[in-house]
Structures are given as C-alpha cells and as structure tokens.
Amino acid sequence: MSSTTSVDLLIIGGGMVGASLACALKDKPLTIAIVEAVPLHSAEQPSYDDRAIALAYGSQRIFQGIGLWPQMKFHATPIKKIHISDRGHFGITRLDHQKEGVEALGQVMAGRDIGNVLAEQLANQANVELLTPATLSQIRYIDNGIQAEVMQNEQVLTISAKLMVAADGGHSSVRQLLGIDSDSKSYQQSAIIANITPSRPHNHVAYERFTDSGPLALLPMSDNRCSLVWTQWQQDVDEVMSLSDEAFLAQLQSRFGYRLGRLKQVGKRTAYPLHLMRSKEQIRPRLAVIGNAAHAIHPIAGQGFNLGIRDVSALAECVSDALVNEQDIGSLATLQRYAEWRH
C-alpha cells in the first residue's frame, strides 16, 4: 500500500469480529483495508490450554451464510444438550437439540482455530488488504469520508474511506481518538478460565451451575476436555488462583458435583475482571462501532462473541443493501438502519 490511499471500507481491528466482517463482504464490489496490531495467523500448535469460544446456533448460521462453516465445522465440538442447575436447590433445566429440532444447540471451538480459518480466507480474498502489524494514530473527517493515519514499519500511511468500522476491542483506540465515551460498571467479579478433563465422557453436554461462589460453566471440547468459566467474587480471586491444581480441582468438584465423575486434570488458569460496558455512540456519519468496542457483558450467558457476530451480520446486510441501491455505505441513513436493527 502506498503512503496515501483510498478504500471503501476501513476496519480497525482484525480480530475475530473485524475479520468476520471483511469475510462477510467478500463478494461485494468493495475495496477493504484491515488495520491490526498483531498478525492474524497463528503458527502455534494445538494445545491442551486452547481458549474455547462457544458459538450459538445463530452464529453458526451466520458463518454458514458467509461460507466459512465447512472449514470451521472440522474443528468444532457440538453441544447436544444443556444442563442448568442451582447448587443447594432442587430442580434442573435441560435443553436437548432433538427437542429443539436442530443439529446442535451450539458449537465450541478453540479461538485459535476460528482465527486461522478467518486468516486463511482473508489471505485469499481479492478485495482485502491486511495491514499488520500496524497501529492507528489519528482520525479526521474529510469531505465525503473519514481518514486515518496508521503506523506500519515506521512509516505513516494515510488511508481515506467511505466507512470506518471500529472492531478494536474494549480499549478501542477509535473510541478514544474520537472522544466517544462509554457507560461502564464493574461486576466486582472475575472469570477464571481453564480447561478441565473429567473421568467420564462429557457426551456433548454443556453444564451451567449457579453456586454460592459464583456461576460456573463447563463446555464440551475435543479430546474429552471441558472449557471452564468460573465466576468468583473479586476478593476471592487471588486465593483461588493460588491454589495447587489438586486443591483447585477439589474446590471446583465441591461446587460442581460429580455429573462428570472425578475432575482429573486442570490446565493453565487465567482470571479476567468482568465489567458491563456499552459505548454511548455506536454510529456516527462514516463510523460504526461493533463487537467488544461497542459492548461487553457478563460471560456466563456465553453471548460476548455471539453479539459481535450479530453486529457483523447486521452491518454487512446494511452495507450490501446500500450497494444494491447505489447509496453511500458510510452515510448516516445507512448506519441508522444498522443501529435500528441492532437495538
């Protein structure tokens, strides 16, 4: 790319949401540039500690529409049933894919695998130019467009676009540079993430259990692993994280029970502080804010990434409609249709 260039669509953030948007527009008469701080493709080998992503049935349908599900399905573990319980209380809620009339209630994939499928598509997509590693430094409005200055290899690139999409996560540089505030509230909790191996087969069942120390979920993965998301009050996180593997598994076992038999192994543990966040502006003329740059919620419902994929689907549809009707893809009228759809 030359030091000064113009594109139709400039996506800031080439993570899973930003990359998915570019892929969703692969057959459209658009020139697209993606600015991403880190390389998309992972050369890492599969690991016991792969971070899992739960794809809702609706997200699977969206990826089918984009044309990526055949590649993704190879890496996915289907959720056939969901088991919901409340520790210390009677009653269980069960959901079954057969009763719902679907092949699976959801799918669980390693984030690395999703990223690699998206990166492979983008590498072969003629209408996309990927700038990585590169960082956004300035944004300004120009006549009939928006312009960004991007640093790549110690060179300043000036990129003009009809539409900029902020898909650059919770600490969005786009929001910061444009002075877009957000409403944010801490849950006073952290989610402890790890992979677990039980003694019994998970049989494609996802478990969600509410406990005195916080809700927890165990999602089925490949090789009979389960992805654990265990919410803890903030004051208890350091103590739980410092436990030995044996003590951690024992405490988890006491909260979860023996539905999966004995919990035998735990991998690397990571704790993430939880907060509720919503951008006060999700559209401006020439700008759409999507994914974690627009909203963050508690992970126990498993909707974080899925909300971002719904943003992708709605925005891609609005951009496509604008192209068909020979309208400006970055106009406020186009983006208001997107905002109304998502709210």
Protein backbone atom coordinates (compact mmCIF):
# COMPACT_ATOMS: atom_id res chain seq x y z
CA MET A 1 0.00 0.00 0.00
CA SER A 2 1.28 3.48 -0.89
CA SER A 3 1.68 6.15 1.80
CA THR A 4 -1.66 7.72 0.74
CA THR A 5 -4.55 5.61 -0.44
CA SER A 6 -8.34 5.36 -0.52
CA VAL A 7 -10.61 2.39 0.17
CA ASP A 8 -14.34 1.92 0.54
CA LEU A 9 -14.23 0.27 3.96
CA LEU A 10 -11.54 0.62 6.63
CA ILE A 11 -11.78 -1.88 9.51
CA ILE A 12 -9.75 -1.03 12.60
CA GLY A 13 -9.15 -4.30 14.40
CA GLY A 14 -8.57 -7.59 12.61
CA GLY A 15 -9.62 -9.89 15.43
CA MET A 16 -12.41 -12.38 15.02
CA VAL A 17 -15.17 -9.76 14.69
CA GLY A 18 -13.35 -7.43 12.31
CA ALA A 19 -12.07 -10.31 10.20
CA SER A 20 -15.56 -11.83 10.07
CA LEU A 21 -16.97 -8.57 8.71
CA ALA A 22 -14.39 -8.50 5.90
CA CYS A 23 -15.16 -12.13 5.08
CA ALA A 24 -18.90 -11.43 5.04
CA LEU A 25 -18.30 -8.82 2.33
CA LYS A 26 -16.00 -10.97 0.21
CA ASP A 27 -18.26 -10.98 -2.86
CA LYS A 28 -19.15 -7.29 -2.77
CA PRO A 29 -17.70 -4.60 -5.06
CA LEU A 30 -15.74 -3.02 -2.24
CA THR A 31 -12.11 -2.30 -1.50
CA ILE A 32 -11.39 -3.16 2.14
CA ALA A 33 -8.39 -2.48 4.37
CA ILE A 34 -7.90 -4.00 7.82
CA VAL A 35 -5.54 -2.48 10.39
CA GLU A 36 -4.44 -4.95 13.07
CA ALA A 37 -1.72 -4.63 15.70
CA VAL A 38 -0.75 -8.32 15.72
CA PRO A 39 -0.51 -10.95 12.95
CA LEU A 40 -3.78 -12.82 12.39
CA HIS A 41 -2.44 -16.26 11.59
CA SER A 42 -1.24 -18.37 14.49
CA ALA A 43 1.63 -20.76 13.93
CA GLU A 44 1.03 -22.30 17.34
CA GLN A 45 0.22 -25.99 17.52
CA PRO A 46 -2.96 -27.22 19.20
CA SER A 47 -2.59 -27.08 22.97
CA TYR A 48 -4.39 -28.51 25.97
CA ASP A 49 -4.88 -24.89 27.08
CA ASP A 50 -6.58 -23.63 23.89
CA ARG A 51 -9.08 -20.89 24.78
CA ALA A 52 -12.57 -22.03 23.83
CA ILE A 53 -15.30 -19.95 22.21
CA ALA A 54 -18.96 -21.01 22.41
CA LEU A 55 -20.79 -20.31 19.15
CA ALA A 56 -24.56 -20.00 19.46
CA TYR A 57 -26.74 -21.70 16.86
CA GLY A 58 -27.44 -18.29 15.31
CA SER A 59 -23.71 -17.60 14.94
CA GLN A 60 -23.24 -20.96 13.23
CA ARG A 61 -25.96 -19.95 10.76
CA ILE A 62 -24.20 -16.64 10.12
CA PHE A 63 -20.90 -18.41 9.38
CA GLN A 64 -22.79 -20.79 7.10
CA GLY A 65 -24.11 -17.78 5.20
CA ILE A 66 -20.62 -16.31 4.92
CA GLY A 67 -19.43 -19.66 3.56
CA LEU A 68 -16.93 -20.45 6.32
CA TRP A 69 -18.78 -23.09 8.32
CA PRO A 70 -17.50 -26.09 6.31
CA GLN A 71 -13.92 -25.17 7.33
CA MET A 72 -14.95 -24.37 10.91
CA LYS A 73 -17.04 -27.49 11.46
CA PHE A 74 -13.94 -29.66 11.23
CA HIS A 75 -12.64 -28.01 14.43
CA ALA A 76 -15.95 -27.71 16.31
CA THR A 77 -17.42 -29.78 19.14
CA PRO A 78 -21.24 -29.69 19.03
CA ILE A 79 -23.34 -29.02 22.12
CA LYS A 80 -26.13 -31.58 22.03
CA LYS A 81 -27.64 -30.87 25.44
CA ILE A 82 -27.52 -28.13 28.09
CA HIS A 83 -27.88 -28.92 31.80
CA ILE A 84 -28.66 -26.00 34.14
CA SER A 85 -28.72 -26.33 37.94
CA ASP A 86 -28.52 -24.26 41.13
CA ARG A 87 -26.34 -25.63 43.93
CA GLY A 88 -28.33 -26.23 47.11
CA HIS A 89 -31.71 -26.06 45.35
CA PHE A 90 -33.92 -28.69 43.78
CA GLY A 91 -34.78 -28.66 40.11
CA ILE A 92 -32.83 -28.91 36.88
CA THR A 93 -33.45 -27.36 33.47
CA ARG A 94 -32.48 -29.46 30.47
CA LEU A 95 -32.33 -28.46 26.82
CA ASP A 96 -31.96 -31.04 24.04
CA HIS A 97 -31.08 -30.41 20.41
CA GLN A 98 -33.53 -33.07 19.25
CA LYS A 99 -36.44 -31.43 21.03
CA GLU A 100 -35.40 -28.09 19.55
CA GLY A 101 -35.20 -29.62 16.08
CA VAL A 102 -31.61 -28.55 15.39
CA GLU A 103 -28.39 -30.43 14.70
CA ALA A 104 -26.76 -28.82 17.74
CA LEU A 105 -27.65 -26.14 20.29
CA GLY A 106 -24.26 -24.55 19.78
CA GLN A 107 -20.66 -25.32 18.92
CA VAL A 108 -17.42 -25.00 20.90
CA MET A 109 -14.23 -24.09 19.06
CA ALA A 110 -10.74 -23.03 20.03
CA GLY A 111 -10.35 -19.32 19.36
CA ARG A 112 -7.10 -20.14 17.59
CA ASP A 113 -8.97 -22.34 15.09
CA ILE A 114 -11.58 -19.66 14.38
CA GLY A 115 -8.80 -17.13 13.84
CA ASN A 116 -6.90 -19.41 11.49
CA VAL A 117 -9.98 -20.10 9.34
CA LEU A 118 -10.64 -16.36 9.06
CA ALA A 119 -6.97 -15.60 8.32
CA GLU A 120 -6.86 -18.20 5.55
CA GLN A 121 -9.96 -16.70 3.94
CA LEU A 122 -8.58 -13.17 4.13
CA ALA A 123 -5.24 -14.24 2.63
CA ASN A 124 -7.12 -15.42 -0.47
CA GLN A 125 -9.68 -12.63 -0.62
CA ALA A 126 -9.01 -10.29 -3.54
CA ASN A 127 -10.82 -7.24 -2.18
CA VAL A 128 -8.95 -7.10 1.17
CA GLU A 129 -5.59 -5.60 2.07
CA LEU A 130 -4.34 -6.52 5.53
CA LEU A 131 -2.03 -4.10 7.32
CA THR A 132 -0.33 -5.92 10.21
CA PRO A 133 1.38 -5.24 12.48
CA ALA A 134 0.06 -1.69 12.28
CA THR A 135 -1.43 0.79 14.73
CA LEU A 136 -3.91 3.62 14.40
CA SER A 137 -2.56 7.06 15.38
CA GLN A 138 -5.03 9.69 14.13
CA ILE A 139 -8.55 10.04 12.72
CA ARG A 140 -10.05 13.02 10.94
CA TYR A 141 -13.16 13.70 8.90
CA ILE A 142 -12.77 14.80 5.29
CA ASP A 143 -15.25 15.72 2.55
CA ASN A 144 -17.46 12.68 1.94
CA GLY A 145 -15.25 10.41 4.01
CA ILE A 146 -13.11 9.68 7.02
CA GLN A 147 -9.32 9.47 7.13
CA ALA A 148 -6.92 7.57 9.36
CA GLU A 149 -3.20 7.79 9.91
CA VAL A 150 -1.66 4.38 10.50
CA MET A 151 1.87 3.46 11.58
CA GLN A 152 3.38 0.41 9.89
CA ASN A 153 7.09 -0.43 9.78
CA GLU A 154 7.91 3.10 11.00
CA GLN A 155 6.04 4.53 8.01
CA VAL A 156 2.94 6.74 8.25
CA LEU A 157 0.12 5.60 5.97
CA THR A 158 -2.83 7.90 5.28
CA ILE A 159 -5.96 5.94 4.43
CA SER A 160 -9.25 7.55 3.38
CA ALA A 161 -12.50 5.61 3.43
CA LYS A 162 -16.22 5.98 2.95
CA LEU A 163 -16.82 3.99 6.13
CA MET A 164 -14.65 3.17 9.14
CA VAL A 165 -15.58 0.29 11.42
CA ALA A 166 -14.20 0.16 14.95
CA ALA A 167 -13.72 -3.52 15.81
CA ASP A 168 -10.72 -2.94 18.04
CA GLY A 169 -11.96 -4.29 21.36
CA GLY A 170 -12.90 -2.96 24.75
CA HIS A 171 -9.99 -0.49 24.89
CA SER A 172 -10.87 0.84 21.45
CA SER A 173 -8.36 3.31 20.00
CA VAL A 174 -11.08 4.55 17.65
CA ARG A 175 -13.37 5.48 20.53
CA GLN A 176 -10.52 7.13 22.40
CA LEU A 177 -9.34 9.19 19.41
CA LEU A 178 -12.88 10.33 18.60
CA GLY A 179 -13.81 11.05 22.21
CA ILE A 180 -16.63 8.51 22.32
CA ASP A 181 -17.49 7.79 25.94
CA SER A 182 -18.91 4.59 27.35
CA ASP A 183 -21.08 3.56 30.27
CA SER A 184 -19.14 1.02 32.31
CA LYS A 185 -19.87 -0.85 35.52
CA SER A 186 -17.69 -3.42 37.26
CA TYR A 187 -19.37 -6.65 38.28
CA GLN A 188 -16.85 -6.90 41.16
CA GLN A 189 -16.13 -10.37 39.80
CA SER A 190 -13.56 -12.15 37.66
CA ALA A 191 -13.97 -15.14 35.38
CA ILE A 192 -11.43 -17.90 35.91
CA ILE A 193 -10.83 -19.67 32.62
CA ALA A 194 -9.20 -23.09 32.28
CA ASN A 195 -9.60 -26.42 30.55
CA ILE A 196 -10.61 -29.46 32.61
CA THR A 197 -10.56 -33.20 31.95
CA PRO A 198 -13.22 -35.27 33.76
CA SER A 199 -13.17 -39.02 34.31
CA ARG A 200 -16.47 -39.54 32.48
CA PRO A 201 -17.25 -38.67 28.84
CA HIS A 202 -18.91 -35.27 28.50
CA ASN A 203 -21.22 -36.67 25.79
CA HIS A 204 -21.53 -33.21 24.23
CA VAL A 205 -23.38 -31.80 27.24
CA ALA A 206 -22.77 -28.19 28.36
CA TYR A 207 -23.26 -27.55 32.07
CA GLU A 208 -24.21 -24.28 33.72
CA ARG A 209 -24.38 -24.26 37.51
CA PHE A 210 -25.11 -21.44 39.93
CA THR A 211 -23.16 -21.68 43.19
CA ASP A 212 -22.51 -19.66 46.34
CA SER A 213 -19.11 -18.61 44.98
CA GLY A 214 -20.49 -17.61 41.58
CA PRO A 215 -21.92 -19.23 38.44
CA LEU A 216 -19.78 -21.69 36.51
CA ALA A 217 -20.00 -23.29 33.10
CA LEU A 218 -18.32 -26.37 31.64
CA LEU A 219 -18.45 -26.61 27.85
CA PRO A 220 -17.60 -29.76 25.87
CA MET A 221 -14.39 -29.68 23.85
CA SER A 222 -12.36 -32.13 21.80
CA ASP A 223 -10.41 -34.95 23.48
CA ASN A 224 -12.99 -35.06 26.29
CA ARG A 225 -11.80 -31.73 27.66
CA CYS A 226 -14.25 -29.21 29.08
CA SER A 227 -13.78 -25.45 28.96
CA LEU A 228 -14.35 -23.97 32.41
CA VAL A 229 -15.69 -20.45 33.03
CA TRP A 230 -15.96 -19.98 36.80
CA THR A 231 -17.07 -16.64 38.17
CA GLN A 232 -15.58 -15.58 41.50
CA TRP A 233 -16.06 -12.50 43.64
CA GLN A 234 -13.09 -10.20 43.18
CA GLN A 235 -11.92 -10.56 46.80
CA ASP A 236 -11.65 -14.35 46.38
CA VAL A 237 -9.82 -14.47 43.05
CA ASP A 238 -6.23 -14.34 44.32
CA GLU A 239 -6.87 -17.13 46.81
CA VAL A 240 -8.48 -19.41 44.21
CA MET A 241 -5.79 -18.69 41.62
CA SER A 242 -3.03 -19.51 44.13
CA LEU A 243 -4.42 -22.97 44.91
CA SER A 244 -2.48 -26.01 43.75
CA ASP A 245 -4.06 -27.92 40.87
CA GLU A 246 -5.26 -30.60 43.30
CA ALA A 247 -6.84 -28.07 45.68
CA PHE A 248 -8.37 -26.13 42.78
CA LEU A 249 -9.96 -29.28 41.37
CA ALA A 250 -11.22 -30.26 44.83
CA GLN A 251 -12.89 -26.88 45.34
CA LEU A 252 -14.38 -26.97 41.85
CA GLN A 253 -15.60 -30.52 42.44
CA SER A 254 -17.39 -29.44 45.63
CA ARG A 255 -19.21 -26.69 43.71
CA PHE A 256 -19.96 -28.64 40.55
CA GLY A 257 -20.63 -32.16 41.84
CA TYR A 258 -19.96 -35.49 40.15
CA ARG A 259 -22.08 -35.32 36.99
CA LEU A 260 -18.86 -35.77 35.01
CA GLY A 261 -17.25 -38.07 37.55
CA ARG A 262 -13.98 -37.04 39.12
CA LEU A 263 -12.28 -33.94 37.72
CA LYS A 264 -8.82 -35.29 36.89
CA GLN A 265 -6.80 -32.51 35.27
CA VAL A 266 -6.74 -28.75 35.00
CA GLY A 267 -4.64 -26.73 32.60
CA LYS A 268 -3.38 -23.16 32.76
CA ARG A 269 -5.69 -20.84 34.71
CA THR A 270 -6.34 -17.23 33.71
CA ALA A 271 -8.52 -14.69 35.53
CA TYR A 272 -10.32 -11.87 33.69
CA PRO A 273 -12.01 -8.99 35.57
CA LEU A 274 -15.63 -8.64 34.46
CA HIS A 275 -17.50 -5.47 33.64
CA LEU A 276 -20.55 -4.28 31.80
CA MET A 277 -19.75 -1.76 29.08
CA ARG A 278 -21.74 -0.03 26.39
CA SER A 279 -20.44 2.63 24.04
CA LYS A 280 -22.55 5.79 24.26
CA GLU A 281 -22.33 6.09 20.48
CA GLN A 282 -22.34 3.09 18.18
CA ILE A 283 -22.71 5.04 14.96
CA ARG A 284 -21.66 8.40 13.60
CA PRO A 285 -21.57 9.52 9.98
CA ARG A 286 -18.78 7.41 8.39
CA LEU A 287 -18.37 5.30 11.55
CA ALA A 288 -19.79 2.10 13.08
CA VAL A 289 -18.60 0.66 16.40
CA ILE A 290 -19.05 -3.12 16.72
CA GLY A 291 -18.11 -6.11 18.86
CA ASN A 292 -16.32 -5.55 22.16
CA ALA A 293 -15.62 -1.96 21.13
CA ALA A 294 -19.38 -1.40 21.36
CA HIS A 295 -20.43 -3.63 24.25
CA ALA A 296 -19.19 -6.07 26.88
CA ILE A 297 -21.37 -8.25 29.12
CA HIS A 298 -21.03 -10.99 31.73
CA PRO A 299 -19.69 -14.19 30.11
CA ILE A 300 -22.00 -16.63 31.88
CA ALA A 301 -24.62 -16.30 29.14
CA GLY A 302 -21.94 -17.06 26.52
CA GLN A 303 -23.07 -14.15 24.36
CA GLY A 304 -19.99 -11.89 24.10
CA PHE A 305 -18.54 -13.08 20.80
CA ASN A 306 -22.01 -14.03 19.55
CA LEU A 307 -23.23 -10.45 19.98
CA GLY A 308 -20.26 -9.31 17.91
CA ILE A 309 -21.12 -11.77 15.14
CA ARG A 310 -24.69 -10.46 15.11
CA ASP A 311 -23.21 -6.96 14.69
CA VAL A 312 -21.25 -8.30 11.72
CA SER A 313 -24.33 -9.87 10.13
CA ALA A 314 -26.47 -6.76 10.52
CA LEU A 315 -23.79 -4.32 9.32
CA ALA A 316 -22.86 -6.49 6.33
CA GLU A 317 -26.53 -6.65 5.36
CA CYS A 318 -26.94 -2.87 5.60
CA VAL A 319 -23.77 -2.23 3.59
CA SER A 320 -24.89 -4.74 0.96
CA ASP A 321 -28.34 -3.13 0.70
CA ALA A 322 -26.73 0.28 0.28
CA LEU A 323 -24.58 -1.03 -2.56
CA VAL A 324 -27.57 -2.58 -4.31
CA ASN A 325 -29.50 0.69 -4.02
CA GLU A 326 -26.46 2.76 -5.08
CA GLN A 327 -26.38 4.54 -1.72
CA ASP A 328 -23.41 5.76 0.30
CA ILE A 329 -22.25 2.96 2.62
CA GLY A 330 -20.99 5.48 5.17
CA SER A 331 -23.99 7.79 5.22
CA LEU A 332 -25.88 8.35 8.46
CA ALA A 333 -29.03 6.96 6.82
CA THR A 334 -27.27 3.65 6.07
CA LEU A 335 -25.80 3.42 9.56
CA GLN A 336 -29.07 4.34 11.26
CA ARG A 337 -30.63 1.29 9.64
CA TYR A 338 -27.86 -0.78 11.19
CA ALA A 339 -28.38 0.84 14.62
CA GLU A 340 -32.13 0.24 14.49
CA TRP A 341 -31.56 -3.39 13.53
CA ARG A 342 -29.17 -3.99 16.43
CA HIS A 343 -31.36 -2.26 19.02
